[in-house]
Amino acid sequence: DDSADVGFARDMIRHHGQAVQLAELVRDRTDDPAIRTLALDISHTQQAQIGMMLGWLRLWDRRPTDIGSSRAWMGHPMSGSMPGMADDEDVERLTRLDGRPAEALFLRLMIPHHQGAVDMAQVELKYGTDPQLREMAQMIIDSQQAEIEEFQKWLADHP
């Protein structure tokens, strides 16, 4: 239960869950086809990855929820929210916005959110041993770093 592989899968399931929530919120609040496509891509990709991680936890006979200290698998237990998670106030604010304000808030929330996922995935690559989970961690790093650049470009082009 305290391995990097199990901890990463459990924590990433929760982390991805919030990204799906944010993406679905903005999808319904934007008229920008590029933002809507991006939101759909984030939602579908991360839901698929959640399903894969749940499957691996079941194969390993491990519960999908954390029963110990969150992020202890990273080498140091931490309190508070996971890296990059939006707080309840920001999520609530996103539910009240539409159009450009919603799009901008979504991207501003997703940049640190993705960076938190990248940080977690890098720790999985350092300590994890499961080849499939390590491959997923690398995919998360590659795709989310590229998306961060895309988010930053969009925000720069739409002040």
C-alpha atoms as a PDB file:
ATOM      1  CA  ASP A   1       0.000   0.000   0.000  1.00  0.00           C
ATOM      2  CA  ASP A   2       2.900   2.400   0.541  1.00  0.00           C
ATOM      3  CA  SER A   3       4.615   1.744  -2.797  1.00  0.00           C
ATOM      4  CA  ALA A   4       5.126   4.552  -5.291  1.00  0.00           C
ATOM      5  CA  ASP A   5       3.009   2.700  -7.862  1.00  0.00           C
ATOM      6  CA  VAL A   6      -0.037   2.297  -5.613  1.00  0.00           C
ATOM      7  CA  GLY A   7       0.289   5.791  -4.136  1.00  0.00           C
ATOM      8  CA  PHE A   8       0.720   7.417  -7.528  1.00  0.00           C
ATOM      9  CA  ALA A   9      -2.313   5.606  -8.954  1.00  0.00           C
ATOM     10  CA  ARG A  10      -4.504   6.528  -5.968  1.00  0.00           C
ATOM     11  CA  ASP A  11      -3.459  10.162  -5.858  1.00  0.00           C
ATOM     12  CA  MET A  12      -3.570  10.611  -9.623  1.00  0.00           C
ATOM     13  CA  ILE A  13      -7.125   9.243  -9.709  1.00  0.00           C
ATOM     14  CA  ARG A  14      -8.189  12.061  -7.357  1.00  0.00           C
ATOM     15  CA  HIS A  15      -6.055  14.627  -9.181  1.00  0.00           C
ATOM     16  CA  HIS A  16      -7.424  13.642 -12.600  1.00  0.00           C
ATOM     17  CA  GLY A  17     -10.946  13.688 -11.139  1.00  0.00           C
ATOM     18  CA  GLN A  18     -10.686  17.396 -10.485  1.00  0.00           C
ATOM     19  CA  ALA A  19      -9.259  18.067 -13.961  1.00  0.00           C
ATOM     20  CA  VAL A  20     -12.268  16.271 -15.454  1.00  0.00           C
ATOM     21  CA  GLN A  21     -14.591  18.362 -13.284  1.00  0.00           C
ATOM     22  CA  LEU A  22     -12.949  21.634 -14.365  1.00  0.00           C
ATOM     23  CA  ALA A  23     -12.909  20.618 -18.026  1.00  0.00           C
ATOM     24  CA  GLU A  24     -16.580  19.709 -18.000  1.00  0.00           C
ATOM     25  CA  LEU A  25     -17.446  22.993 -16.298  1.00  0.00           C
ATOM     26  CA  VAL A  26     -15.676  25.087 -18.937  1.00  0.00           C
ATOM     27  CA  ARG A  27     -16.961  22.942 -21.805  1.00  0.00           C
ATOM     28  CA  ASP A  28     -20.480  24.081 -20.936  1.00  0.00           C
ATOM     29  CA  ARG A  29     -19.449  27.730 -20.470  1.00  0.00           C
ATOM     30  CA  THR A  30     -17.479  28.479 -23.621  1.00  0.00           C
ATOM     31  CA  ASP A  31     -18.346  29.351 -27.183  1.00  0.00           C
ATOM     32  CA  ASP A  32     -14.704  28.988 -28.279  1.00  0.00           C
ATOM     33  CA  PRO A  33     -14.404  25.761 -30.300  1.00  0.00           C
ATOM     34  CA  ALA A  34     -10.690  25.397 -29.441  1.00  0.00           C
ATOM     35  CA  ILE A  35     -11.380  25.616 -25.690  1.00  0.00           C
ATOM     36  CA  ARG A  36     -14.327  23.232 -26.007  1.00  0.00           C
ATOM     37  CA  THR A  37     -12.148  20.730 -27.905  1.00  0.00           C
ATOM     38  CA  LEU A  38      -9.381  21.094 -25.340  1.00  0.00           C
ATOM     39  CA  ALA A  39     -11.835  20.551 -22.482  1.00  0.00           C
ATOM     40  CA  LEU A  40     -13.267  17.452 -24.161  1.00  0.00           C
ATOM     41  CA  ASP A  41      -9.774  16.080 -24.769  1.00  0.00           C
ATOM     42  CA  ILE A  42      -8.756  16.613 -21.135  1.00  0.00           C
ATOM     43  CA  SER A  43     -11.984  15.054 -19.886  1.00  0.00           C
ATOM     44  CA  HIS A  44     -11.832  11.983 -22.147  1.00  0.00           C
ATOM     45  CA  THR A  45      -8.091  11.356 -21.749  1.00  0.00           C
ATOM     46  CA  GLN A  46      -8.085  11.694 -17.996  1.00  0.00           C
ATOM     47  CA  GLN A  47     -11.247   9.624 -17.542  1.00  0.00           C
ATOM     48  CA  ALA A  48      -9.604   6.857 -19.557  1.00  0.00           C
ATOM     49  CA  GLN A  49      -6.461   7.071 -17.433  1.00  0.00           C
ATOM     50  CA  ILE A  50      -8.562   6.963 -14.253  1.00  0.00           C
ATOM     51  CA  GLY A  51     -10.151   3.751 -15.536  1.00  0.00           C
ATOM     52  CA  MET A  52      -6.762   2.221 -16.278  1.00  0.00           C
ATOM     53  CA  MET A  53      -5.400   3.114 -12.833  1.00  0.00           C
ATOM     54  CA  LEU A  54      -8.512   1.727 -11.127  1.00  0.00           C
ATOM     55  CA  GLY A  55      -8.009  -1.488 -13.094  1.00  0.00           C
ATOM     56  CA  TRP A  56      -4.375  -1.782 -12.030  1.00  0.00           C
ATOM     57  CA  LEU A  57      -5.286  -1.202  -8.389  1.00  0.00           C
ATOM     58  CA  ARG A  58      -7.890  -3.977  -8.649  1.00  0.00           C
ATOM     59  CA  LEU A  59      -5.336  -6.308 -10.258  1.00  0.00           C
ATOM     60  CA  TRP A  60      -2.924  -5.548  -7.400  1.00  0.00           C
ATOM     61  CA  ASP A  61      -5.732  -6.205  -4.892  1.00  0.00           C
ATOM     62  CA  ARG A  62      -5.474  -2.646  -3.580  1.00  0.00           C
ATOM     63  CA  ARG A  63      -8.300  -0.283  -2.692  1.00  0.00           C
ATOM     64  CA  PRO A  64      -8.675   2.771  -4.921  1.00  0.00           C
ATOM     65  CA  THR A  65      -8.755   5.144  -1.952  1.00  0.00           C
ATOM     66  CA  ASP A  66      -5.839   6.279   0.156  1.00  0.00           C
ATOM     67  CA  ILE A  67      -5.865   4.699   3.608  1.00  0.00           C
ATOM     68  CA  GLY A  68      -2.672   6.301   4.839  1.00  0.00           C
ATOM     69  CA  SER A  69      -0.949   9.620   4.568  1.00  0.00           C
ATOM     70  CA  SER A  70      -1.530  11.311   1.242  1.00  0.00           C
ATOM     71  CA  ARG A  71       1.571  11.429  -0.911  1.00  0.00           C
ATOM     72  CA  ALA A  72       3.678   9.388   1.529  1.00  0.00           C
ATOM     73  CA  TRP A  73       4.704   7.440  -1.596  1.00  0.00           C
ATOM     74  CA  MET A  74       6.549  10.572  -2.745  1.00  0.00           C
ATOM     75  CA  GLY A  75       9.037  10.181   0.088  1.00  0.00           C
ATOM     76  CA  HIS A  76       7.459  12.655   2.459  1.00  0.00           C
ATOM     77  CA  PRO A  77       3.911  12.700   3.799  1.00  0.00           C
ATOM     78  CA  MET A  78       2.187  15.977   3.123  1.00  0.00           C
ATOM     79  CA  SER A  79      -0.877  17.620   4.546  1.00  0.00           C
ATOM     80  CA  GLY A  80      -3.297  19.799   2.648  1.00  0.00           C
ATOM     81  CA  SER A  81      -4.340  19.405  -0.925  1.00  0.00           C
ATOM     82  CA  MET A  82      -2.328  17.732  -3.632  1.00  0.00           C
ATOM     83  CA  PRO A  83      -0.027  19.855  -5.778  1.00  0.00           C
ATOM     84  CA  GLY A  84      -1.924  22.068  -8.188  1.00  0.00           C
ATOM     85  CA  MET A  85      -5.416  21.304  -6.945  1.00  0.00           C
ATOM     86  CA  ALA A  86      -7.878  24.176  -7.274  1.00  0.00           C
ATOM     87  CA  ASP A  87      -9.559  25.187  -4.060  1.00  0.00           C
ATOM     88  CA  ASP A  88     -13.327  25.080  -3.571  1.00  0.00           C
ATOM     89  CA  GLU A  89     -13.664  28.853  -4.035  1.00  0.00           C
ATOM     90  CA  ASP A  90     -12.013  28.735  -7.473  1.00  0.00           C
ATOM     91  CA  VAL A  91     -14.178  25.818  -8.584  1.00  0.00           C
ATOM     92  CA  GLU A  92     -17.273  27.662  -7.378  1.00  0.00           C
ATOM     93  CA  ARG A  93     -16.154  30.820  -9.193  1.00  0.00           C
ATOM     94  CA  LEU A  94     -15.755  28.821 -12.419  1.00  0.00           C
ATOM     95  CA  THR A  95     -19.353  27.611 -12.086  1.00  0.00           C
ATOM     96  CA  ARG A  96     -20.552  31.251 -12.056  1.00  0.00           C
ATOM     97  CA  LEU A  97     -18.596  32.443 -15.130  1.00  0.00           C
ATOM     98  CA  ASP A  98     -19.216  32.156 -18.860  1.00  0.00           C
ATOM     99  CA  GLY A  99     -17.303  32.987 -22.045  1.00  0.00           C
ATOM    100  CA  ARG A 100     -13.828  34.518 -21.927  1.00  0.00           C
ATOM    101  CA  PRO A 101     -13.759  34.937 -18.113  1.00  0.00           C
ATOM    102  CA  ALA A 102     -14.545  31.219 -17.674  1.00  0.00           C
ATOM    103  CA  GLU A 103     -11.978  30.228 -20.302  1.00  0.00           C
ATOM    104  CA  ALA A 104      -9.244  32.347 -18.727  1.00  0.00           C
ATOM    105  CA  LEU A 105      -9.960  31.096 -15.207  1.00  0.00           C
ATOM    106  CA  PHE A 106     -10.027  27.501 -16.423  1.00  0.00           C
ATOM    107  CA  LEU A 107      -6.607  27.857 -18.060  1.00  0.00           C
ATOM    108  CA  ARG A 108      -5.167  29.713 -15.047  1.00  0.00           C
ATOM    109  CA  LEU A 109      -6.356  26.865 -12.822  1.00  0.00           C
ATOM    110  CA  MET A 110      -5.155  24.150 -15.194  1.00  0.00           C
ATOM    111  CA  ILE A 111      -1.568  25.428 -15.460  1.00  0.00           C
ATOM    112  CA  PRO A 112      -0.685  24.727 -11.793  1.00  0.00           C
ATOM    113  CA  HIS A 113      -2.967  21.683 -11.842  1.00  0.00           C
ATOM    114  CA  HIS A 114      -1.032  20.149 -14.738  1.00  0.00           C
ATOM    115  CA  GLN A 115       2.286  21.152 -13.161  1.00  0.00           C
ATOM    116  CA  GLY A 116       1.242  19.298  -9.998  1.00  0.00           C
ATOM    117  CA  ALA A 117       0.472  16.199 -12.084  1.00  0.00           C
ATOM    118  CA  VAL A 118       3.831  16.497 -13.854  1.00  0.00           C
ATOM    119  CA  ASP A 119       5.602  16.717 -10.492  1.00  0.00           C
ATOM    120  CA  MET A 120       3.781  13.629  -9.232  1.00  0.00           C
ATOM    121  CA  ALA A 121       4.544  11.732 -12.451  1.00  0.00           C
ATOM    122  CA  GLN A 122       8.236  12.592 -12.172  1.00  0.00           C
ATOM    123  CA  VAL A 123       8.306  11.070  -8.683  1.00  0.00           C
ATOM    124  CA  GLU A 124       6.591   7.943 -10.066  1.00  0.00           C
ATOM    125  CA  LEU A 125       9.342   7.675 -12.688  1.00  0.00           C
ATOM    126  CA  LYS A 126      11.959   7.981  -9.949  1.00  0.00           C
ATOM    127  CA  TYR A 127      10.495   5.472  -7.476  1.00  0.00           C
ATOM    128  CA  GLY A 128       7.880   3.417  -9.330  1.00  0.00           C
ATOM    129  CA  THR A 129       8.575  -0.051 -10.668  1.00  0.00           C
ATOM    130  CA  ASP A 130       5.469  -1.009 -12.684  1.00  0.00           C
ATOM    131  CA  PRO A 131       6.340  -0.609 -16.382  1.00  0.00           C
ATOM    132  CA  GLN A 132       2.784   0.258 -17.467  1.00  0.00           C
ATOM    133  CA  LEU A 133       2.339   2.873 -14.757  1.00  0.00           C
ATOM    134  CA  ARG A 134       5.762   4.348 -15.504  1.00  0.00           C
ATOM    135  CA  GLU A 135       4.755   4.567 -19.179  1.00  0.00           C
ATOM    136  CA  MET A 136       1.559   6.377 -18.187  1.00  0.00           C
ATOM    137  CA  ALA A 137       3.579   8.734 -15.965  1.00  0.00           C
ATOM    138  CA  GLN A 138       5.774   9.636 -18.930  1.00  0.00           C
ATOM    139  CA  MET A 139       2.693  10.203 -21.109  1.00  0.00           C
ATOM    140  CA  ILE A 140       1.274  12.496 -18.424  1.00  0.00           C
ATOM    141  CA  ILE A 141       4.523  14.471 -18.322  1.00  0.00           C
ATOM    142  CA  ASP A 142       4.725  14.808 -22.102  1.00  0.00           C
ATOM    143  CA  SER A 143       1.083  15.684 -22.755  1.00  0.00           C
ATOM    144  CA  GLN A 144       0.564  17.990 -19.812  1.00  0.00           C
ATOM    145  CA  GLN A 145       3.763  19.956 -20.361  1.00  0.00           C
ATOM    146  CA  ALA A 146       2.657  20.495 -23.969  1.00  0.00           C
ATOM    147  CA  GLU A 147      -0.794  21.583 -22.784  1.00  0.00           C
ATOM    148  CA  ILE A 148       0.725  24.018 -20.266  1.00  0.00           C
ATOM    149  CA  GLU A 149       2.545  25.697 -23.161  1.00  0.00           C
ATOM    150  CA  GLU A 150      -0.706  25.795 -25.143  1.00  0.00           C
ATOM    151  CA  PHE A 151      -2.570  27.312 -22.157  1.00  0.00           C
ATOM    152  CA  GLN A 152       0.112  29.974 -21.672  1.00  0.00           C
ATOM    153  CA  LYS A 153       0.022  30.873 -25.372  1.00  0.00           C
ATOM    154  CA  TRP A 154      -3.773  31.190 -25.337  1.00  0.00           C
ATOM    155  CA  LEU A 155      -3.658  33.426 -22.244  1.00  0.00           C
ATOM    156  CA  ALA A 156      -0.952  35.605 -23.841  1.00  0.00           C
ATOM    157  CA  ASP A 157      -3.015  35.923 -27.047  1.00  0.00           C
ATOM    158  CA  HIS A 158      -6.260  36.699 -25.147  1.00  0.00           C
ATOM    159  CA  PRO A 159      -5.350  39.234 -22.444  1.00  0.00           C
END
